């Protein structure tokens, strides 16, 4: 098989891997809710992302190490960037991120080629040393996809609390309500429940004051108390009207519904002035998480290449060639 055909075969591999990675980025941008509210679909998306990262890392290593001349290698990475964009979406944001990938791939190729030329024997060590550049760039591209998708949604619909977070807070408060609410519901019982619940709010206020500046914590809790007072007033009024006829389960259900509505309205109102920064905060958190996971698993592509290169030689796709070179040194005359 001619070298040109072999190079074309490796080009097809990295182009396919890049297209797959672009498709995963599109899913991340459209499915940001899966990341904010983890589920089984979130795990599937995470596995797809890790598989795409490994595929691009392995095929990029093959192209950078084997395809020559160097301009042909650059051309292949340019085509892979285009394939990534086609698999993603033809938008300015996608174009900027794929351009970042292309620039990083040029640095990646240049470093590997230079290291291999300086070595006396072929080794995957230069690929291993340069791989963090490629993987970090790919993670930036994936997180950028999440950022632009989430930012566009907030711009269209405004910020809304992730349902999983709302459910977690509401369930915690519901447990407290069930613990504090006596079995014999009625006006007096609700009044007692209200007094006990005030103590729970005092404990919450202490926790909030530890995490926020004093002035800000005071304003936040004052507003929250005001909103919650409305919920408790409605509960007390309802108990006064129905007396013993109101069942305990109905009181709890009513409390849960009103508390959830109050919580959502309060948080969204408090965060609205800063909502344009929320996608960036989540994107940075996602980058930190993915960078940590990728660093722990970065040995997998290197190990795969350590198996693939000898296999290619055994199949006759590659061969070991001995070369001689002229070395110039400066010595005393």
C-alpha atoms as a PDB file:
ATOM      1  CA  UNK A   1       0.000   0.000   0.000  1.00  0.00           C
ATOM      2  CA  UNK A   2       1.377   3.431  -0.955  1.00  0.00           C
ATOM      3  CA  UNK A   3       2.217   5.897   1.756  1.00  0.00           C
ATOM      4  CA  UNK A   4      -0.401   8.323   0.427  1.00  0.00           C
ATOM      5  CA  UNK A   5      -3.168   5.740   0.809  1.00  0.00           C
ATOM      6  CA  UNK A   6      -2.002   4.868   4.323  1.00  0.00           C
ATOM      7  CA  UNK A   7      -1.967   8.542   5.251  1.00  0.00           C
ATOM      8  CA  UNK A   8      -5.471   8.908   3.804  1.00  0.00           C
ATOM      9  CA  UNK A   9      -6.644   5.954   5.913  1.00  0.00           C
ATOM     10  CA  UNK A  10      -5.332   7.589   9.101  1.00  0.00           C
ATOM     11  CA  UNK A  11      -6.912  10.869   7.984  1.00  0.00           C
ATOM     12  CA  UNK A  12     -10.301   9.157   7.680  1.00  0.00           C
ATOM     13  CA  UNK A  13      -9.923   7.777  11.213  1.00  0.00           C
ATOM     14  CA  UNK A  14      -9.221  11.138  12.856  1.00  0.00           C
ATOM     15  CA  UNK A  15     -11.887  12.875  10.774  1.00  0.00           C
ATOM     16  CA  UNK A  16     -14.462  10.303  11.913  1.00  0.00           C
ATOM     17  CA  UNK A  17     -13.340  10.640  15.540  1.00  0.00           C
ATOM     18  CA  UNK A  18     -13.526  14.437  15.328  1.00  0.00           C
ATOM     19  CA  UNK A  19     -17.018  14.302  13.816  1.00  0.00           C
ATOM     20  CA  UNK A  20     -18.110  12.035  16.665  1.00  0.00           C
ATOM     21  CA  UNK A  21     -16.626  14.459  19.198  1.00  0.00           C
ATOM     22  CA  UNK A  22     -18.466  17.344  17.510  1.00  0.00           C
ATOM     23  CA  UNK A  23     -21.733  15.403  17.768  1.00  0.00           C
ATOM     24  CA  UNK A  24     -21.122  14.855  21.492  1.00  0.00           C
ATOM     25  CA  UNK A  25     -20.482  18.593  21.923  1.00  0.00           C
ATOM     26  CA  UNK A  26     -23.799  19.295  20.214  1.00  0.00           C
ATOM     27  CA  UNK A  27     -25.530  16.945  22.671  1.00  0.00           C
ATOM     28  CA  UNK A  28     -23.842  18.718  25.587  1.00  0.00           C
ATOM     29  CA  UNK A  29     -24.950  22.121  24.324  1.00  0.00           C
ATOM     30  CA  UNK A  30     -28.534  20.964  23.826  1.00  0.00           C
ATOM     31  CA  UNK A  31     -28.708  18.749  26.910  1.00  0.00           C
ATOM     32  CA  UNK A  32     -27.259  21.056  29.553  1.00  0.00           C
ATOM     33  CA  UNK A  33     -30.195  20.116  31.811  1.00  0.00           C
ATOM     34  CA  UNK A  34     -28.776  16.583  32.001  1.00  0.00           C
ATOM     35  CA  UNK A  35     -25.605  17.995  33.550  1.00  0.00           C
ATOM     36  CA  UNK A  36     -27.473  20.246  35.984  1.00  0.00           C
ATOM     37  CA  UNK A  37     -29.848  17.411  36.973  1.00  0.00           C
ATOM     38  CA  UNK A  38     -27.808  14.157  36.867  1.00  0.00           C
ATOM     39  CA  UNK A  39     -29.603  11.001  35.736  1.00  0.00           C
ATOM     40  CA  UNK A  40     -29.001   7.843  33.735  1.00  0.00           C
ATOM     41  CA  UNK A  41     -28.899   9.935  30.547  1.00  0.00           C
ATOM     42  CA  UNK A  42     -26.157  12.040  32.110  1.00  0.00           C
ATOM     43  CA  UNK A  43     -24.031   8.918  32.590  1.00  0.00           C
ATOM     44  CA  UNK A  44     -24.609   7.946  28.947  1.00  0.00           C
ATOM     45  CA  UNK A  45     -23.534  11.424  27.796  1.00  0.00           C
ATOM     46  CA  UNK A  46     -20.437  11.284  30.037  1.00  0.00           C
ATOM     47  CA  UNK A  47     -19.428   7.898  28.608  1.00  0.00           C
ATOM     48  CA  UNK A  48     -19.884   9.227  25.065  1.00  0.00           C
ATOM     49  CA  UNK A  49     -17.664  12.193  25.884  1.00  0.00           C
ATOM     50  CA  UNK A  50     -14.898  10.022  27.364  1.00  0.00           C
ATOM     51  CA  UNK A  51     -15.082   7.686  24.364  1.00  0.00           C
ATOM     52  CA  UNK A  52     -14.848  10.644  21.967  1.00  0.00           C
ATOM     53  CA  UNK A  53     -11.858  12.067  23.870  1.00  0.00           C
ATOM     54  CA  UNK A  54     -10.068   8.714  23.707  1.00  0.00           C
ATOM     55  CA  UNK A  55     -10.854   8.287  19.987  1.00  0.00           C
ATOM     56  CA  UNK A  56      -9.501  11.736  19.083  1.00  0.00           C
ATOM     57  CA  UNK A  57      -6.419  11.296  21.306  1.00  0.00           C
ATOM     58  CA  UNK A  58      -5.514   7.906  19.780  1.00  0.00           C
ATOM     59  CA  UNK A  59      -6.084   8.886  16.144  1.00  0.00           C
ATOM     60  CA  UNK A  60      -4.314  12.220  16.651  1.00  0.00           C
ATOM     61  CA  UNK A  61      -1.310  10.379  18.059  1.00  0.00           C
ATOM     62  CA  UNK A  62      -1.202   8.095  15.026  1.00  0.00           C
ATOM     63  CA  UNK A  63      -1.388  10.992  12.570  1.00  0.00           C
ATOM     64  CA  UNK A  64       1.156  13.148  14.420  1.00  0.00           C
ATOM     65  CA  UNK A  65       3.677  10.296  14.640  1.00  0.00           C
ATOM     66  CA  UNK A  66       3.300   8.681  11.215  1.00  0.00           C
ATOM     67  CA  UNK A  67       2.091  11.154   8.606  1.00  0.00           C
ATOM     68  CA  UNK A  68       4.814  13.073   6.801  1.00  0.00           C
ATOM     69  CA  UNK A  69       5.569  15.646   5.416  1.00  0.00           C
ATOM     70  CA  UNK A  70       4.475  17.889   8.224  1.00  0.00           C
ATOM     71  CA  UNK A  71       2.251  20.076   6.036  1.00  0.00           C
ATOM     72  CA  UNK A  72       0.180  16.981   5.198  1.00  0.00           C
ATOM     73  CA  UNK A  73      -0.259  16.390   8.917  1.00  0.00           C
ATOM     74  CA  UNK A  74      -1.423  19.988   9.369  1.00  0.00           C
ATOM     75  CA  UNK A  75      -3.890  19.551   6.497  1.00  0.00           C
ATOM     76  CA  UNK A  76      -5.362  16.435   8.100  1.00  0.00           C
ATOM     77  CA  UNK A  77      -5.905  18.246  11.397  1.00  0.00           C
ATOM     78  CA  UNK A  78      -7.539  21.122   9.506  1.00  0.00           C
ATOM     79  CA  UNK A  79      -9.966  18.620   7.956  1.00  0.00           C
ATOM     80  CA  UNK A  80     -10.595  17.086  11.378  1.00  0.00           C
ATOM     81  CA  UNK A  81     -11.452  20.536  12.768  1.00  0.00           C
ATOM     82  CA  UNK A  82     -13.889  21.030   9.890  1.00  0.00           C
ATOM     83  CA  UNK A  83     -15.433  17.620  10.572  1.00  0.00           C
ATOM     84  CA  UNK A  84     -15.802  18.549  14.256  1.00  0.00           C
ATOM     85  CA  UNK A  85     -17.638  21.716  13.250  1.00  0.00           C
ATOM     86  CA  UNK A  86     -19.937  19.805  10.885  1.00  0.00           C
ATOM     87  CA  UNK A  87     -20.740  17.275  13.590  1.00  0.00           C
ATOM     88  CA  UNK A  88     -21.489  20.113  15.978  1.00  0.00           C
ATOM     89  CA  UNK A  89     -23.209  23.136  14.446  1.00  0.00           C
ATOM     90  CA  UNK A  90     -22.293  25.781  11.906  1.00  0.00           C
ATOM     91  CA  UNK A  91     -22.372  28.737  14.292  1.00  0.00           C
ATOM     92  CA  UNK A  92     -19.878  31.403  15.259  1.00  0.00           C
ATOM     93  CA  UNK A  93     -19.419  29.911  18.731  1.00  0.00           C
ATOM     94  CA  UNK A  94     -18.679  26.476  17.267  1.00  0.00           C
ATOM     95  CA  UNK A  95     -16.302  28.014  14.744  1.00  0.00           C
ATOM     96  CA  UNK A  96     -14.319  29.799  17.461  1.00  0.00           C
ATOM     97  CA  UNK A  97     -13.965  26.642  19.564  1.00  0.00           C
ATOM     98  CA  UNK A  98     -12.947  24.446  16.634  1.00  0.00           C
ATOM     99  CA  UNK A  99     -10.380  27.094  15.657  1.00  0.00           C
ATOM    100  CA  UNK A 100      -8.951  26.797  19.180  1.00  0.00           C
ATOM    101  CA  UNK A 101      -8.754  23.025  18.662  1.00  0.00           C
ATOM    102  CA  UNK A 102      -6.968  23.459  15.318  1.00  0.00           C
ATOM    103  CA  UNK A 103      -4.357  25.848  16.756  1.00  0.00           C
ATOM    104  CA  UNK A 104      -3.718  23.486  19.674  1.00  0.00           C
ATOM    105  CA  UNK A 105      -3.399  20.553  17.256  1.00  0.00           C
ATOM    106  CA  UNK A 106      -0.684  22.408  15.330  1.00  0.00           C
ATOM    107  CA  UNK A 107       1.289  22.895  18.537  1.00  0.00           C
ATOM    108  CA  UNK A 108       0.656  19.239  19.401  1.00  0.00           C
ATOM    109  CA  UNK A 109       1.986  18.025  16.033  1.00  0.00           C
ATOM    110  CA  UNK A 110       4.982  20.362  16.086  1.00  0.00           C
ATOM    111  CA  UNK A 111       6.064  19.181  19.523  1.00  0.00           C
ATOM    112  CA  UNK A 112       5.681  15.485  18.705  1.00  0.00           C
ATOM    113  CA  UNK A 113       7.448  15.742  15.370  1.00  0.00           C
ATOM    114  CA  UNK A 114      10.333  17.689  16.895  1.00  0.00           C
ATOM    115  CA  UNK A 115      10.722  15.235  19.786  1.00  0.00           C
ATOM    116  CA  UNK A 116      10.639  12.212  17.464  1.00  0.00           C
ATOM    117  CA  UNK A 117      13.261  13.735  15.194  1.00  0.00           C
ATOM    118  CA  UNK A 118      15.580  14.266  18.141  1.00  0.00           C
ATOM    119  CA  UNK A 119      15.274  10.696  19.424  1.00  0.00           C
ATOM    120  CA  UNK A 120      17.494   7.810  18.357  1.00  0.00           C
ATOM    121  CA  UNK A 121      14.675   5.249  18.721  1.00  0.00           C
ATOM    122  CA  UNK A 122      10.938   5.549  18.167  1.00  0.00           C
ATOM    123  CA  UNK A 123       8.896   5.881  21.367  1.00  0.00           C
ATOM    124  CA  UNK A 124       5.374   6.939  22.393  1.00  0.00           C
ATOM    125  CA  UNK A 125       6.889   9.149  25.109  1.00  0.00           C
ATOM    126  CA  UNK A 126       6.702  12.353  23.001  1.00  0.00           C
ATOM    127  CA  UNK A 127       2.992  11.625  22.379  1.00  0.00           C
ATOM    128  CA  UNK A 128       2.441  11.050  26.093  1.00  0.00           C
ATOM    129  CA  UNK A 129       4.185  14.322  26.950  1.00  0.00           C
ATOM    130  CA  UNK A 130       2.189  16.353  24.419  1.00  0.00           C
ATOM    131  CA  UNK A 131      -1.153  14.654  25.002  1.00  0.00           C
ATOM    132  CA  UNK A 132      -2.241  17.033  27.843  1.00  0.00           C
ATOM    133  CA  UNK A 133      -2.264  19.905  25.330  1.00  0.00           C
ATOM    134  CA  UNK A 134      -4.751  18.081  23.120  1.00  0.00           C
ATOM    135  CA  UNK A 135      -6.946  16.692  25.893  1.00  0.00           C
ATOM    136  CA  UNK A 136      -7.158  20.019  27.742  1.00  0.00           C
ATOM    137  CA  UNK A 137      -8.166  21.754  24.526  1.00  0.00           C
ATOM    138  CA  UNK A 138     -10.859  19.168  23.831  1.00  0.00           C
ATOM    139  CA  UNK A 139     -12.242  19.616  27.346  1.00  0.00           C
ATOM    140  CA  UNK A 140     -12.311  23.391  26.814  1.00  0.00           C
ATOM    141  CA  UNK A 141     -14.250  22.834  23.589  1.00  0.00           C
ATOM    142  CA  UNK A 142     -16.770  20.553  25.352  1.00  0.00           C
ATOM    143  CA  UNK A 143     -17.239  22.992  28.252  1.00  0.00           C
ATOM    144  CA  UNK A 144     -17.531  25.849  25.761  1.00  0.00           C
ATOM    145  CA  UNK A 145     -20.364  23.953  24.091  1.00  0.00           C
ATOM    146  CA  UNK A 146     -22.114  23.667  27.464  1.00  0.00           C
ATOM    147  CA  UNK A 147     -21.550  27.367  28.162  1.00  0.00           C
ATOM    148  CA  UNK A 148     -22.948  28.636  24.874  1.00  0.00           C
ATOM    149  CA  UNK A 149     -25.952  26.284  25.014  1.00  0.00           C
ATOM    150  CA  UNK A 150     -26.848  27.218  28.599  1.00  0.00           C
ATOM    151  CA  UNK A 151     -26.221  30.943  28.027  1.00  0.00           C
ATOM    152  CA  UNK A 152     -28.545  30.907  25.001  1.00  0.00           C
ATOM    153  CA  UNK A 153     -31.267  29.204  27.047  1.00  0.00           C
ATOM    154  CA  UNK A 154     -30.984  31.757  29.872  1.00  0.00           C
ATOM    155  CA  UNK A 155     -31.121  34.562  27.323  1.00  0.00           C
ATOM    156  CA  UNK A 156     -34.338  33.094  25.880  1.00  0.00           C
ATOM    157  CA  UNK A 157     -36.132  31.883  29.005  1.00  0.00           C
ATOM    158  CA  UNK A 158     -34.262  33.371  31.975  1.00  0.00           C
ATOM    159  CA  UNK A 159     -32.670  31.420  34.803  1.00  0.00           C
ATOM    160  CA  UNK A 160     -34.604  28.623  36.510  1.00  0.00           C
ATOM    161  CA  UNK A 161     -33.455  26.445  39.395  1.00  0.00           C
ATOM    162  CA  UNK A 162     -32.495  22.887  38.372  1.00  0.00           C
ATOM    163  CA  UNK A 163     -35.408  20.601  39.394  1.00  0.00           C
ATOM    164  CA  UNK A 164     -33.057  18.207  41.207  1.00  0.00           C
ATOM    165  CA  UNK A 165     -31.828  21.011  43.474  1.00  0.00           C
ATOM    166  CA  UNK A 166     -35.378  22.179  44.213  1.00  0.00           C
ATOM    167  CA  UNK A 167     -36.416  18.619  45.032  1.00  0.00           C
ATOM    168  CA  UNK A 168     -33.474  18.166  47.403  1.00  0.00           C
ATOM    169  CA  UNK A 169     -34.235  21.355  49.387  1.00  0.00           C
ATOM    170  CA  UNK A 170     -38.007  20.753  49.459  1.00  0.00           C
ATOM    171  CA  UNK A 171     -37.576  17.173  50.656  1.00  0.00           C
ATOM    172  CA  UNK A 172     -35.322  18.337  53.485  1.00  0.00           C
ATOM    173  CA  UNK A 173     -37.864  20.936  54.628  1.00  0.00           C
ATOM    174  CA  UNK A 174     -40.711  18.445  54.250  1.00  0.00           C
ATOM    175  CA  UNK A 175     -38.939  16.035  56.600  1.00  0.00           C
ATOM    176  CA  UNK A 176     -38.568  18.818  59.134  1.00  0.00           C
ATOM    177  CA  UNK A 177     -42.265  19.664  58.753  1.00  0.00           C
ATOM    178  CA  UNK A 178     -43.305  16.043  59.284  1.00  0.00           C
ATOM    179  CA  UNK A 179     -41.092  15.806  62.368  1.00  0.00           C
ATOM    180  CA  UNK A 180     -42.407  19.011  63.914  1.00  0.00           C
ATOM    181  CA  UNK A 181     -46.086  18.831  62.962  1.00  0.00           C
ATOM    182  CA  UNK A 182     -48.126  17.069  65.702  1.00  0.00           C
ATOM    183  CA  UNK A 183     -50.564  14.300  64.929  1.00  0.00           C
ATOM    184  CA  UNK A 184     -53.636  16.305  66.061  1.00  0.00           C
ATOM    185  CA  UNK A 185     -53.709  19.119  63.526  1.00  0.00           C
ATOM    186  CA  UNK A 186     -55.746  22.200  64.194  1.00  0.00           C
ATOM    187  CA  UNK A 187     -55.294  25.918  64.748  1.00  0.00           C
ATOM    188  CA  UNK A 188     -53.400  25.498  68.019  1.00  0.00           C
ATOM    189  CA  UNK A 189     -51.264  22.718  66.597  1.00  0.00           C
ATOM    190  CA  UNK A 190     -50.339  24.787  63.549  1.00  0.00           C
ATOM    191  CA  UNK A 191     -49.408  27.691  65.801  1.00  0.00           C
ATOM    192  CA  UNK A 192     -47.089  25.384  67.765  1.00  0.00           C
ATOM    193  CA  UNK A 193     -45.657  24.035  64.553  1.00  0.00           C
ATOM    194  CA  UNK A 194     -45.023  27.587  63.448  1.00  0.00           C
ATOM    195  CA  UNK A 195     -43.042  28.368  66.606  1.00  0.00           C
ATOM    196  CA  UNK A 196     -40.927  25.253  66.169  1.00  0.00           C
ATOM    197  CA  UNK A 197     -40.354  25.980  62.502  1.00  0.00           C
ATOM    198  CA  UNK A 198     -39.083  29.435  63.431  1.00  0.00           C
ATOM    199  CA  UNK A 199     -36.294  27.725  65.370  1.00  0.00           C
ATOM    200  CA  UNK A 200     -35.418  25.709  62.247  1.00  0.00           C
ATOM    201  CA  UNK A 201     -35.194  28.979  60.306  1.00  0.00           C
ATOM    202  CA  UNK A 202     -32.890  30.383  63.002  1.00  0.00           C
ATOM    203  CA  UNK A 203     -30.545  27.442  62.445  1.00  0.00           C
ATOM    204  CA  UNK A 204     -30.674  28.008  58.679  1.00  0.00           C
ATOM    205  CA  UNK A 205     -29.854  31.685  59.237  1.00  0.00           C
ATOM    206  CA  UNK A 206     -26.744  30.712  61.198  1.00  0.00           C
ATOM    207  CA  UNK A 207     -25.620  28.446  58.334  1.00  0.00           C
ATOM    208  CA  UNK A 208     -26.223  31.175  55.722  1.00  0.00           C
ATOM    209  CA  UNK A 209     -24.341  33.767  57.791  1.00  0.00           C
ATOM    210  CA  UNK A 210     -21.273  31.499  57.762  1.00  0.00           C
ATOM    211  CA  UNK A 211     -21.226  31.418  53.943  1.00  0.00           C
ATOM    212  CA  UNK A 212     -22.257  34.981  53.047  1.00  0.00           C
ATOM    213  CA  UNK A 213     -21.224  38.454  54.235  1.00  0.00           C
ATOM    214  CA  UNK A 214     -23.251  39.571  57.265  1.00  0.00           C
ATOM    215  CA  UNK A 215     -25.180  42.293  55.446  1.00  0.00           C
ATOM    216  CA  UNK A 216     -26.007  40.090  52.480  1.00  0.00           C
ATOM    217  CA  UNK A 217     -26.998  37.158  54.697  1.00  0.00           C
ATOM    218  CA  UNK A 218     -29.335  39.403  56.678  1.00  0.00           C
ATOM    219  CA  UNK A 219     -31.060  40.667  53.530  1.00  0.00           C
ATOM    220  CA  UNK A 220     -31.366  37.166  52.034  1.00  0.00           C
ATOM    221  CA  UNK A 221     -32.841  35.599  55.171  1.00  0.00           C
ATOM    222  CA  UNK A 222     -35.176  38.551  55.771  1.00  0.00           C
ATOM    223  CA  UNK A 223     -36.633  38.168  52.303  1.00  0.00           C
ATOM    224  CA  UNK A 224     -36.857  34.397  52.699  1.00  0.00           C
ATOM    225  CA  UNK A 225     -38.585  34.721  56.080  1.00  0.00           C
ATOM    226  CA  UNK A 226     -41.058  37.146  54.571  1.00  0.00           C
ATOM    227  CA  UNK A 227     -41.898  34.735  51.772  1.00  0.00           C
ATOM    228  CA  UNK A 228     -42.167  31.785  54.154  1.00  0.00           C
ATOM    229  CA  UNK A 229     -44.415  33.759  56.533  1.00  0.00           C
ATOM    230  CA  UNK A 230     -46.999  33.879  53.757  1.00  0.00           C
ATOM    231  CA  UNK A 231     -46.892  30.099  53.482  1.00  0.00           C
ATOM    232  CA  UNK A 232     -47.338  29.636  57.238  1.00  0.00           C
ATOM    233  CA  UNK A 233     -50.120  32.247  57.344  1.00  0.00           C
ATOM    234  CA  UNK A 234     -52.061  30.301  54.718  1.00  0.00           C
ATOM    235  CA  UNK A 235     -51.540  27.061  56.607  1.00  0.00           C
ATOM    236  CA  UNK A 236     -52.743  28.633  59.879  1.00  0.00           C
ATOM    237  CA  UNK A 237     -55.756  30.184  58.188  1.00  0.00           C
ATOM    238  CA  UNK A 238     -56.671  26.875  56.570  1.00  0.00           C
ATOM    239  CA  UNK A 239     -56.325  25.011  59.871  1.00  0.00           C
ATOM    240  CA  UNK A 240     -58.487  27.648  61.601  1.00  0.00           C
ATOM    241  CA  UNK A 241     -61.226  27.193  59.013  1.00  0.00           C
ATOM    242  CA  UNK A 242     -61.251  23.418  58.925  1.00  0.00           C
ATOM    243  CA  UNK A 243     -60.091  22.657  62.471  1.00  0.00           C
ATOM    244  CA  UNK A 244     -59.806  18.924  63.049  1.00  0.00           C
ATOM    245  CA  UNK A 245     -61.243  18.064  59.640  1.00  0.00           C
ATOM    246  CA  UNK A 246     -57.965  18.961  57.973  1.00  0.00           C
ATOM    247  CA  UNK A 247     -55.848  15.847  57.718  1.00  0.00           C
ATOM    248  CA  UNK A 248     -52.188  15.845  58.582  1.00  0.00           C
ATOM    249  CA  UNK A 249     -51.186  14.538  55.131  1.00  0.00           C
ATOM    250  CA  UNK A 250     -53.115  17.343  53.463  1.00  0.00           C
ATOM    251  CA  UNK A 251     -51.299  19.940  55.569  1.00  0.00           C
ATOM    252  CA  UNK A 252     -47.923  18.477  54.613  1.00  0.00           C
ATOM    253  CA  UNK A 253     -48.850  18.323  50.918  1.00  0.00           C
ATOM    254  CA  UNK A 254     -50.042  21.913  51.024  1.00  0.00           C
ATOM    255  CA  UNK A 255     -46.875  22.992  52.807  1.00  0.00           C
ATOM    256  CA  UNK A 256     -44.687  21.234  50.244  1.00  0.00           C
ATOM    257  CA  UNK A 257     -46.488  22.863  47.311  1.00  0.00           C
ATOM    258  CA  UNK A 258     -46.391  26.357  48.772  1.00  0.00           C
ATOM    259  CA  UNK A 259     -42.826  26.063  50.044  1.00  0.00           C
ATOM    260  CA  UNK A 260     -41.583  24.866  46.639  1.00  0.00           C
ATOM    261  CA  UNK A 261     -43.290  27.767  44.880  1.00  0.00           C
ATOM    262  CA  UNK A 262     -41.930  30.252  47.399  1.00  0.00           C
ATOM    263  CA  UNK A 263     -38.402  28.833  47.172  1.00  0.00           C
ATOM    264  CA  UNK A 264     -38.334  28.976  43.368  1.00  0.00           C
ATOM    265  CA  UNK A 265     -39.699  32.528  43.247  1.00  0.00           C
ATOM    266  CA  UNK A 266     -37.280  33.729  45.921  1.00  0.00           C
ATOM    267  CA  UNK A 267     -34.118  32.175  44.474  1.00  0.00           C
ATOM    268  CA  UNK A 268     -34.869  33.173  40.881  1.00  0.00           C
ATOM    269  CA  UNK A 269     -35.614  36.734  41.982  1.00  0.00           C
ATOM    270  CA  UNK A 270     -32.380  36.903  44.007  1.00  0.00           C
ATOM    271  CA  UNK A 271     -30.219  35.448  41.209  1.00  0.00           C
ATOM    272  CA  UNK A 272     -31.767  37.290  38.269  1.00  0.00           C
ATOM    273  CA  UNK A 273     -29.280  40.237  38.386  1.00  0.00           C
ATOM    274  CA  UNK A 274     -26.376  37.759  38.120  1.00  0.00           C
ATOM    275  CA  UNK A 275     -27.881  35.191  35.761  1.00  0.00           C
ATOM    276  CA  UNK A 276     -25.541  36.036  32.878  1.00  0.00           C
ATOM    277  CA  UNK A 277     -22.637  34.725  34.988  1.00  0.00           C
ATOM    278  CA  UNK A 278     -24.275  31.427  35.920  1.00  0.00           C
ATOM    279  CA  UNK A 279     -23.311  29.534  32.702  1.00  0.00           C
ATOM    280  CA  UNK A 280     -19.676  30.574  33.174  1.00  0.00           C
ATOM    281  CA  UNK A 281     -19.640  29.363  36.808  1.00  0.00           C
ATOM    282  CA  UNK A 282     -21.117  25.994  35.833  1.00  0.00           C
ATOM    283  CA  UNK A 283     -18.778  25.699  32.818  1.00  0.00           C
ATOM    284  CA  UNK A 284     -15.711  26.298  35.019  1.00  0.00           C
ATOM    285  CA  UNK A 285     -16.963  23.709  37.518  1.00  0.00           C
ATOM    286  CA  UNK A 286     -17.546  21.240  34.680  1.00  0.00           C
ATOM    287  CA  UNK A 287     -14.059  21.890  33.302  1.00  0.00           C
ATOM    288  CA  UNK A 288     -12.498  21.217  36.710  1.00  0.00           C
ATOM    289  CA  UNK A 289     -14.376  17.938  37.025  1.00  0.00           C
ATOM    290  CA  UNK A 290     -13.583  16.745  33.490  1.00  0.00           C
ATOM    291  CA  UNK A 291      -9.923  17.789  33.759  1.00  0.00           C
ATOM    292  CA  UNK A 292      -9.577  15.725  36.921  1.00  0.00           C
ATOM    293  CA  UNK A 293     -11.232  12.661  35.377  1.00  0.00           C
ATOM    294  CA  UNK A 294      -9.225  12.978  32.163  1.00  0.00           C
ATOM    295  CA  UNK A 295      -5.949  13.319  34.059  1.00  0.00           C
ATOM    296  CA  UNK A 296      -6.721  10.074  35.897  1.00  0.00           C
ATOM    297  CA  UNK A 297      -7.579   8.244  32.647  1.00  0.00           C
ATOM    298  CA  UNK A 298      -4.975   9.811  30.331  1.00  0.00           C
ATOM    299  CA  UNK A 299      -2.885   6.631  30.420  1.00  0.00           C
ATOM    300  CA  UNK A 300      -5.498   4.732  28.405  1.00  0.00           C
ATOM    301  CA  UNK A 301      -4.801   6.367  24.976  1.00  0.00           C
ATOM    302  CA  UNK A 302      -1.045   6.036  25.568  1.00  0.00           C
ATOM    303  CA  UNK A 303      -1.413   2.360  26.430  1.00  0.00           C
ATOM    304  CA  UNK A 304      -3.564   1.850  23.337  1.00  0.00           C
ATOM    305  CA  UNK A 305      -0.884   3.447  21.132  1.00  0.00           C
ATOM    306  CA  UNK A 306       1.799   1.265  22.719  1.00  0.00           C
ATOM    307  CA  UNK A 307      -0.206  -1.728  21.461  1.00  0.00           C
ATOM    308  CA  UNK A 308      -1.217  -0.249  18.087  1.00  0.00           C
ATOM    309  CA  UNK A 309       2.253   0.779  16.845  1.00  0.00           C
ATOM    310  CA  UNK A 310       3.823  -2.729  17.135  1.00  0.00           C
ATOM    311  CA  UNK A 311       0.634  -4.179  15.646  1.00  0.00           C
ATOM    312  CA  UNK A 312       0.901  -1.874  12.632  1.00  0.00           C
ATOM    313  CA  UNK A 313       4.511  -2.945  12.167  1.00  0.00           C
ATOM    314  CA  UNK A 314       3.559  -6.632  12.366  1.00  0.00           C
ATOM    315  CA  UNK A 315       0.830  -6.074   9.737  1.00  0.00           C
ATOM    316  CA  UNK A 316       3.273  -4.320   7.391  1.00  0.00           C
ATOM    317  CA  UNK A 317       1.553  -0.946   7.602  1.00  0.00           C
ATOM    318  CA  UNK A 318       4.632   0.619   9.177  1.00  0.00           C
ATOM    319  CA  UNK A 319       8.294  -0.360   9.188  1.00  0.00           C
ATOM    320  CA  UNK A 320      11.372   0.464  11.208  1.00  0.00           C
ATOM    321  CA  UNK A 321      13.873   2.408   9.090  1.00  0.00           C
ATOM    322  CA  UNK A 322      17.452   3.171  10.121  1.00  0.00           C
ATOM    323  CA  UNK A 323      18.608   6.664   9.165  1.00  0.00           C
ATOM    324  CA  UNK A 324      21.968   8.407   9.337  1.00  0.00           C
ATOM    325  CA  UNK A 325      22.351  12.081   9.994  1.00  0.00           C
ATOM    326  CA  UNK A 326      25.132  14.656  10.040  1.00  0.00           C
ATOM    327  CA  UNK A 327      25.782  16.017  13.525  1.00  0.00           C
ATOM    328  CA  UNK A 328      27.678  19.290  13.939  1.00  0.00           C
ATOM    329  CA  UNK A 329      29.315  20.009  17.317  1.00  0.00           C
ATOM    330  CA  UNK A 330      31.423  22.874  18.537  1.00  0.00           C
ATOM    331  CA  UNK A 331      34.793  21.804  20.000  1.00  0.00           C
ATOM    332  CA  UNK A 332      38.156  23.360  20.807  1.00  0.00           C
ATOM    333  CA  UNK A 333      40.326  23.802  17.728  1.00  0.00           C
END
